[in-house]
């Protein structure tokens, strides 16, 4: 059917799109090496999500549960980074993730607004996502300019001393 033809590549893309959130969060929390180790697992989880979606006939709730699990995990990591003052911009990234989750709740609802043009729940979801994406970009920009990045999850950054 046309629905399956349209949604199959979309679910594949959505499954892959969510993984960088947790990989990036782990990179900010535990370092680049830990994040790199997570990539194959993320691809595997994406494939499992895609397979489960196909098995269950393309039910969107599968994506909601999958994305919420990953986004809540990333939110927990960024909340920890905020609480421990380990990453400049972590609070902004956490806010972006909260907005992303709020957008998902809006999309699952029947909320609509009619200011100048009508916005149904899908239109409102995309407006919230645009705001969330802009805030995420700002948070990432702040974080990339913060203290030196950890390359290894267990090795502290130690300046080289001259003899």
Foldseek 3Di string as FASTA:
>chain_A
DVVCVVVLVVLLVLLLVLLVLLLVLCCLQQNNVVSVVCVVVSNVSSVVLSVVCVVVVNDCVSSVVVNVVSLVNSLVSLVVCVVVVSFFLSVLLNVLSVLLNVLVVLLVDQDWDCDPHIDTSVNSSVVSNVVSVVSNVVSVVRRVPDDDGDHGRPDDDDDDDDD
